[in-house]
PDB file of N, CA and C in Angstrom:
ATOM      1  N   UNK A   1    -153.592  -7.491 -49.117  1.00  0.00           N
ATOM      2  CA  UNK A   1    -153.964  -7.635 -50.073  1.00  0.00           C
ATOM      3  C   UNK A   1    -154.711  -7.418 -51.162  1.00  0.00           C
ATOM      4  N   UNK A   2    -155.014  -8.100 -52.102  1.00  0.00           N
ATOM      5  CA  UNK A   2    -155.225  -8.067 -53.628  1.00  0.00           C
ATOM      6  C   UNK A   2    -156.670  -8.212 -53.903  1.00  0.00           C
ATOM      7  N   UNK A   3    -156.543  -7.327 -55.484  1.00  0.00           N
ATOM      8  CA  UNK A   3    -157.909  -6.929 -55.242  1.00  0.00           C
ATOM      9  C   UNK A   3    -157.489  -7.535 -57.178  1.00  0.00           C
ATOM     10  N   UNK A   4    -158.381  -8.646 -58.386  1.00  0.00           N
ATOM     11  CA  UNK A   4    -158.578  -9.096 -58.803  1.00  0.00           C
ATOM     12  C   UNK A   4    -159.321  -9.262 -59.864  1.00  0.00           C
ATOM     13  N   UNK A   5    -159.698  -8.392 -61.539  1.00  0.00           N
ATOM     14  CA  UNK A   5    -160.614  -8.728 -62.190  1.00  0.00           C
ATOM     15  C   UNK A   5    -160.873 -10.517 -62.905  1.00  0.00           C
ATOM     16  N   UNK A   6    -162.241 -10.791 -62.991  1.00  0.00           N
ATOM     17  CA  UNK A   6    -162.038 -12.313 -63.408  1.00  0.00           C
ATOM     18  C   UNK A   6    -162.665 -11.998 -65.225  1.00  0.00           C
ATOM     19  N   UNK A   7    -162.623 -11.833 -66.323  1.00  0.00           N
ATOM     20  CA  UNK A   7    -162.897 -11.998 -66.764  1.00  0.00           C
ATOM     21  C   UNK A   7    -163.288 -12.864 -67.571  1.00  0.00           C
ATOM     22  N   UNK A   8    -164.217 -12.692 -67.950  1.00  0.00           N
ATOM     23  CA  UNK A   8    -165.708 -13.720 -68.576  1.00  0.00           C
ATOM     24  C   UNK A   8    -164.175 -15.552 -68.922  1.00  0.00           C
ATOM     25  N   UNK A   9    -163.494 -15.194 -69.895  1.00  0.00           N
ATOM     26  CA  UNK A   9    -162.595 -16.603 -70.035  1.00  0.00           C
ATOM     27  C   UNK A   9    -162.058 -17.177 -68.870  1.00  0.00           C
ATOM     28  N   UNK A  10    -162.083 -16.304 -67.419  1.00  0.00           N
ATOM     29  CA  UNK A  10    -161.146 -16.825 -66.792  1.00  0.00           C
ATOM     30  C   UNK A  10    -159.769 -16.145 -66.394  1.00  0.00           C
ATOM     31  N   UNK A  11    -159.328 -15.496 -67.189  1.00  0.00           N
ATOM     32  CA  UNK A  11    -157.877 -14.571 -67.012  1.00  0.00           C
ATOM     33  C   UNK A  11    -158.394 -13.617 -66.130  1.00  0.00           C
ATOM     34  N   UNK A  12    -157.619 -13.537 -64.723  1.00  0.00           N
ATOM     35  CA  UNK A  12    -157.540 -12.143 -63.773  1.00  0.00           C
ATOM     36  C   UNK A  12    -156.056 -11.416 -64.178  1.00  0.00           C
ATOM     37  N   UNK A  13    -156.888  -9.922 -63.521  1.00  0.00           N
ATOM     38  CA  UNK A  13    -156.316  -8.693 -64.167  1.00  0.00           C
ATOM     39  C   UNK A  13    -156.129  -8.001 -62.423  1.00  0.00           C
ATOM     40  N   UNK A  14    -154.256  -7.974 -62.265  1.00  0.00           N
ATOM     41  CA  UNK A  14    -154.647  -7.736 -61.101  1.00  0.00           C
ATOM     42  C   UNK A  14    -155.334  -5.921 -60.592  1.00  0.00           C
ATOM     43  N   UNK A  15    -156.223  -5.634 -59.907  1.00  0.00           N
ATOM     44  CA  UNK A  15    -156.268  -4.315 -59.987  1.00  0.00           C
ATOM     45  C   UNK A  15    -155.282  -3.050 -58.914  1.00  0.00           C
ATOM     46  N   UNK A  16    -156.180  -4.031 -58.157  1.00  0.00           N
ATOM     47  CA  UNK A  16    -154.367  -3.421 -56.872  1.00  0.00           C
ATOM     48  C   UNK A  16    -153.963  -4.747 -56.160  1.00  0.00           C
ATOM     49  N   UNK A  17    -151.997  -4.441 -55.276  1.00  0.00           N
ATOM     50  CA  UNK A  17    -151.932  -5.423 -54.959  1.00  0.00           C
ATOM     51  C   UNK A  17    -151.258  -3.758 -53.465  1.00  0.00           C
ATOM     52  N   UNK A  18    -151.943  -2.676 -52.959  1.00  0.00           N
ATOM     53  CA  UNK A  18    -151.927  -2.369 -52.227  1.00  0.00           C
ATOM     54  C   UNK A  18    -151.912  -1.703 -51.359  1.00  0.00           C
ATOM     55  N   UNK A  19    -153.137  -2.814 -51.171  1.00  0.00           N
ATOM     56  CA  UNK A  19    -154.779  -2.620 -50.249  1.00  0.00           C
ATOM     57  C   UNK A  19    -154.420  -3.319 -48.701  1.00  0.00           C
ATOM     58  N   UNK A  20    -155.280  -2.752 -47.910  1.00  0.00           N
ATOM     59  CA  UNK A  20    -154.557  -2.860 -46.631  1.00  0.00           C
ATOM     60  C   UNK A  20    -155.729  -3.175 -45.316  1.00  0.00           C
ATOM     61  N   UNK A  21    -156.980  -2.347 -45.695  1.00  0.00           N
ATOM     62  CA  UNK A  21    -158.649  -2.496 -45.141  1.00  0.00           C
ATOM     63  C   UNK A  21    -159.483  -3.319 -46.335  1.00  0.00           C
ATOM     64  N   UNK A  22    -159.737  -3.747 -45.989  1.00  0.00           N
ATOM     65  CA  UNK A  22    -160.970  -4.365 -46.800  1.00  0.00           C
ATOM     66  C   UNK A  22    -161.525  -2.988 -47.290  1.00  0.00           C
ATOM     67  N   UNK A  23    -161.918  -2.204 -46.729  1.00  0.00           N
ATOM     68  CA  UNK A  23    -163.318  -0.991 -47.296  1.00  0.00           C
ATOM     69  C   UNK A  23    -162.145  -0.440 -48.474  1.00  0.00           C
ATOM     70  N   UNK A  24    -161.332  -0.777 -48.994  1.00  0.00           N
ATOM     71  CA  UNK A  24    -159.937  -0.021 -49.767  1.00  0.00           C
ATOM     72  C   UNK A  24    -160.299  -0.911 -51.046  1.00  0.00           C
ATOM     73  N   UNK A  25    -160.757  -2.153 -50.865  1.00  0.00           N
ATOM     74  CA  UNK A  25    -160.785  -3.251 -52.058  1.00  0.00           C
ATOM     75  C   UNK A  25    -162.388  -2.835 -52.548  1.00  0.00           C
ATOM     76  N   UNK A  26    -163.177  -2.741 -51.539  1.00  0.00           N
ATOM     77  CA  UNK A  26    -164.474  -2.094 -52.214  1.00  0.00           C
ATOM     78  C   UNK A  26    -164.025  -0.576 -52.659  1.00  0.00           C
ATOM     79  N   UNK A  27    -163.511   0.593 -52.090  1.00  0.00           N
ATOM     80  CA  UNK A  27    -163.118   1.313 -53.469  1.00  0.00           C
ATOM     81  C   UNK A  27    -163.140   1.236 -54.790  1.00  0.00           C
ATOM     82  N   UNK A  28    -161.698  -0.070 -54.684  1.00  0.00           N
ATOM     83  CA  UNK A  28    -160.779  -0.384 -56.006  1.00  0.00           C
ATOM     84  C   UNK A  28    -161.821  -0.846 -57.112  1.00  0.00           C
ATOM     85  N   UNK A  29    -162.646  -1.622 -56.368  1.00  0.00           N
ATOM     86  CA  UNK A  29    -163.126  -2.388 -57.329  1.00  0.00           C
ATOM     87  C   UNK A  29    -164.277  -0.873 -57.670  1.00  0.00           C
ATOM     88  N   UNK A  30    -165.334  -0.606 -56.875  1.00  0.00           N
ATOM     89  CA  UNK A  30    -165.555   1.321 -57.746  1.00  0.00           C
ATOM     90  C   UNK A  30    -165.045   1.595 -58.154  1.00  0.00           C
ATOM     91  N   UNK A  31    -164.483   2.056 -58.471  1.00  0.00           N
ATOM     92  CA  UNK A  31    -163.268   3.227 -59.237  1.00  0.00           C
ATOM     93  C   UNK A  31    -163.276   2.617 -60.501  1.00  0.00           C
ATOM     94  N   UNK A  32    -162.702   0.448 -60.612  1.00  0.00           N
ATOM     95  CA  UNK A  32    -162.682   0.026 -61.633  1.00  0.00           C
ATOM     96  C   UNK A  32    -163.953   0.188 -62.585  1.00  0.00           C
ATOM     97  N   UNK A  33    -164.691   0.299 -61.797  1.00  0.00           N
ATOM     98  CA  UNK A  33    -166.668  -0.006 -61.921  1.00  0.00           C
ATOM     99  C   UNK A  33    -166.805   1.679 -62.663  1.00  0.00           C
ATOM    100  N   UNK A  34    -166.494   2.571 -62.571  1.00  0.00           N
ATOM    101  CA  UNK A  34    -166.019   3.655 -62.905  1.00  0.00           C
ATOM    102  C   UNK A  34    -165.812   4.494 -64.390  1.00  0.00           C
ATOM    103  N   UNK A  35    -164.659   2.778 -64.307  1.00  0.00           N
ATOM    104  CA  UNK A  35    -163.527   3.780 -65.205  1.00  0.00           C
ATOM    105  C   UNK A  35    -163.995   3.025 -66.725  1.00  0.00           C
ATOM    106  N   UNK A  36    -165.108   2.138 -66.048  1.00  0.00           N
ATOM    107  CA  UNK A  36    -165.716   0.868 -67.815  1.00  0.00           C
ATOM    108  C   UNK A  36    -167.094   1.359 -68.010  1.00  0.00           C
ATOM    109  N   UNK A  37    -167.342   2.202 -67.192  1.00  0.00           N
ATOM    110  CA  UNK A  37    -169.121   3.572 -67.173  1.00  0.00           C
ATOM    111  C   UNK A  37    -170.073   2.863 -67.225  1.00  0.00           C
ATOM    112  N   UNK A  38    -169.805   1.028 -65.609  1.00  0.00           N
ATOM    113  CA  UNK A  38    -170.432  -0.259 -65.850  1.00  0.00           C
ATOM    114  C   UNK A  38    -171.620   0.345 -63.924  1.00  0.00           C
ATOM    115  N   UNK A  39    -172.793   0.021 -64.669  1.00  0.00           N
ATOM    116  CA  UNK A  39    -173.499   1.120 -63.137  1.00  0.00           C
ATOM    117  C   UNK A  39    -173.805  -0.242 -62.704  1.00  0.00           C
ATOM    118  N   UNK A  40    -172.922  -0.482 -61.548  1.00  0.00           N
ATOM    119  CA  UNK A  40    -173.831  -1.623 -60.141  1.00  0.00           C
ATOM    120  C   UNK A  40    -175.093  -1.554 -59.817  1.00  0.00           C
ATOM    121  N   UNK A  41    -175.843  -2.365 -59.741  1.00  0.00           N
ATOM    122  CA  UNK A  41    -177.117  -2.065 -58.857  1.00  0.00           C
ATOM    123  C   UNK A  41    -177.080  -3.276 -57.227  1.00  0.00           C
ATOM    124  N   UNK A  42    -175.808  -3.128 -57.344  1.00  0.00           N
ATOM    125  CA  UNK A  42    -175.489  -4.067 -56.464  1.00  0.00           C
ATOM    126  C   UNK A  42    -174.169  -4.806 -56.651  1.00  0.00           C
ATOM    127  N   UNK A  43    -174.273  -5.181 -54.658  1.00  0.00           N
ATOM    128  CA  UNK A  43    -172.298  -6.140 -54.864  1.00  0.00           C
ATOM    129  C   UNK A  43    -172.749  -7.502 -54.055  1.00  0.00           C
ATOM    130  N   UNK A  44    -172.634  -8.473 -53.836  1.00  0.00           N
ATOM    131  CA  UNK A  44    -172.990  -9.893 -53.030  1.00  0.00           C
ATOM    132  C   UNK A  44    -171.631 -10.473 -53.483  1.00  0.00           C
ATOM    133  N   UNK A  45    -171.193 -10.641 -51.980  1.00  0.00           N
ATOM    134  CA  UNK A  45    -169.875 -11.132 -51.702  1.00  0.00           C
ATOM    135  C   UNK A  45    -169.821 -12.863 -51.592  1.00  0.00           C
ATOM    136  N   UNK A  46    -168.911 -14.162 -51.009  1.00  0.00           N
ATOM    137  CA  UNK A  46    -168.617 -14.830 -50.773  1.00  0.00           C
ATOM    138  C   UNK A  46    -167.368 -15.249 -51.024  1.00  0.00           C
ATOM    139  N   UNK A  47    -167.304 -16.226 -50.461  1.00  0.00           N
ATOM    140  CA  UNK A  47    -165.818 -17.441 -49.314  1.00  0.00           C
ATOM    141  C   UNK A  47    -165.368 -18.236 -50.642  1.00  0.00           C
ATOM    142  N   UNK A  48    -164.742 -17.893 -51.129  1.00  0.00           N
ATOM    143  CA  UNK A  48    -164.373 -19.213 -52.276  1.00  0.00           C
ATOM    144  C   UNK A  48    -163.258 -19.378 -51.884  1.00  0.00           C
ATOM    145  N   UNK A  49    -162.652 -20.765 -51.237  1.00  0.00           N
ATOM    146  CA  UNK A  49    -161.320 -21.569 -50.858  1.00  0.00           C
ATOM    147  C   UNK A  49    -160.611 -20.005 -50.072  1.00  0.00           C
ATOM    148  N   UNK A  50    -159.512 -19.447 -50.519  1.00  0.00           N
ATOM    149  CA  UNK A  50    -158.524 -18.528 -50.292  1.00  0.00           C
ATOM    150  C   UNK A  50    -158.693 -16.862 -51.046  1.00  0.00           C
ATOM    151  N   UNK A  51    -159.971 -16.952 -51.556  1.00  0.00           N
ATOM    152  CA  UNK A  51    -159.673 -15.542 -51.804  1.00  0.00           C
ATOM    153  C   UNK A  51    -162.456 -15.015 -51.557  1.00  0.00           C
ATOM    154  N   UNK A  52    -162.361 -14.007 -51.784  1.00  0.00           N
ATOM    155  CA  UNK A  52    -163.868 -13.212 -51.617  1.00  0.00           C
ATOM    156  C   UNK A  52    -163.889 -12.950 -53.375  1.00  0.00           C
ATOM    157  N   UNK A  53    -165.035 -14.267 -53.419  1.00  0.00           N
ATOM    158  CA  UNK A  53    -165.637 -13.877 -54.957  1.00  0.00           C
ATOM    159  C   UNK A  53    -166.994 -12.751 -54.608  1.00  0.00           C
ATOM    160  N   UNK A  54    -167.084 -11.239 -55.609  1.00  0.00           N
ATOM    161  CA  UNK A  54    -167.530 -10.377 -56.328  1.00  0.00           C
ATOM    162  C   UNK A  54    -168.523 -10.465 -57.078  1.00  0.00           C
ATOM    163  N   UNK A  55    -169.455 -10.844 -56.999  1.00  0.00           N
ATOM    164  CA  UNK A  55    -170.429 -10.074 -57.922  1.00  0.00           C
ATOM    165  C   UNK A  55    -170.851  -8.910 -57.802  1.00  0.00           C
ATOM    166  N   UNK A  56    -171.101  -8.252 -58.998  1.00  0.00           N
ATOM    167  CA  UNK A  56    -171.175  -6.638 -59.134  1.00  0.00           C
ATOM    168  C   UNK A  56    -172.272  -6.662 -60.772  1.00  0.00           C
ATOM    169  N   UNK A  57    -172.688  -7.960 -60.956  1.00  0.00           N
ATOM    170  CA  UNK A  57    -174.269  -8.003 -61.315  1.00  0.00           C
ATOM    171  C   UNK A  57    -173.875  -8.075 -63.724  1.00  0.00           C
ATOM    172  N   UNK A  58    -172.449  -8.745 -63.458  1.00  0.00           N
ATOM    173  CA  UNK A  58    -172.624  -8.623 -65.209  1.00  0.00           C
ATOM    174  C   UNK A  58    -172.942 -10.818 -66.029  1.00  0.00           C
ATOM    175  N   UNK A  59    -172.596 -10.899 -64.729  1.00  0.00           N
ATOM    176  CA  UNK A  59    -172.985 -12.154 -64.899  1.00  0.00           C
ATOM    177  C   UNK A  59    -171.623 -13.183 -65.546  1.00  0.00           C
ATOM    178  N   UNK A  60    -170.446 -12.834 -66.024  1.00  0.00           N
ATOM    179  CA  UNK A  60    -170.046 -13.659 -66.402  1.00  0.00           C
ATOM    180  C   UNK A  60    -168.498 -13.190 -65.897  1.00  0.00           C
ATOM    181  N   UNK A  61    -168.141 -11.938 -65.149  1.00  0.00           N
ATOM    182  CA  UNK A  61    -166.946 -10.925 -65.025  1.00  0.00           C
ATOM    183  C   UNK A  61    -166.871 -11.212 -63.383  1.00  0.00           C
ATOM    184  N   UNK A  62    -166.151 -11.255 -62.371  1.00  0.00           N
ATOM    185  CA  UNK A  62    -166.261 -11.183 -61.082  1.00  0.00           C
ATOM    186  C   UNK A  62    -164.663  -9.964 -60.725  1.00  0.00           C
ATOM    187  N   UNK A  63    -164.855 -10.186 -59.707  1.00  0.00           N
ATOM    188  CA  UNK A  63    -164.120  -9.715 -58.582  1.00  0.00           C
ATOM    189  C   UNK A  63    -162.943 -11.188 -57.358  1.00  0.00           C
ATOM    190  N   UNK A  64    -162.781 -10.766 -57.207  1.00  0.00           N
ATOM    191  CA  UNK A  64    -161.428 -11.498 -56.526  1.00  0.00           C
ATOM    192  C   UNK A  64    -160.706 -11.162 -55.626  1.00  0.00           C
ATOM    193  N   UNK A  65    -161.157 -11.138 -54.264  1.00  0.00           N
ATOM    194  CA  UNK A  65    -160.106 -10.110 -53.181  1.00  0.00           C
ATOM    195  C   UNK A  65    -159.067 -11.337 -51.934  1.00  0.00           C
ATOM    196  N   UNK A  66    -157.898 -11.162 -52.125  1.00  0.00           N
ATOM    197  CA  UNK A  66    -157.673 -12.278 -51.593  1.00  0.00           C
ATOM    198  C   UNK A  66    -157.046 -10.996 -50.899  1.00  0.00           C
ATOM    199  N   UNK A  67    -156.488 -12.092 -49.260  1.00  0.00           N
ATOM    200  CA  UNK A  67    -156.361 -11.413 -48.237  1.00  0.00           C
ATOM    201  C   UNK A  67    -155.463 -11.460 -48.003  1.00  0.00           C
TER     202      UNK A  67
END
């Protein structure tokens, strides 16, 4: 699995490519948010083609999980 951060301009930044379980993907997202001092009050996820898109409340930036 791979986790990417999707910037406002659509650019993808690889967060991790060493994930074996979905729980690890959520941990990577939490760690990334903490490193940026961003407080997420919710998370929602939905399937888009070949990845899962994750909304953490920023409105313009998202995460992608590729399995």
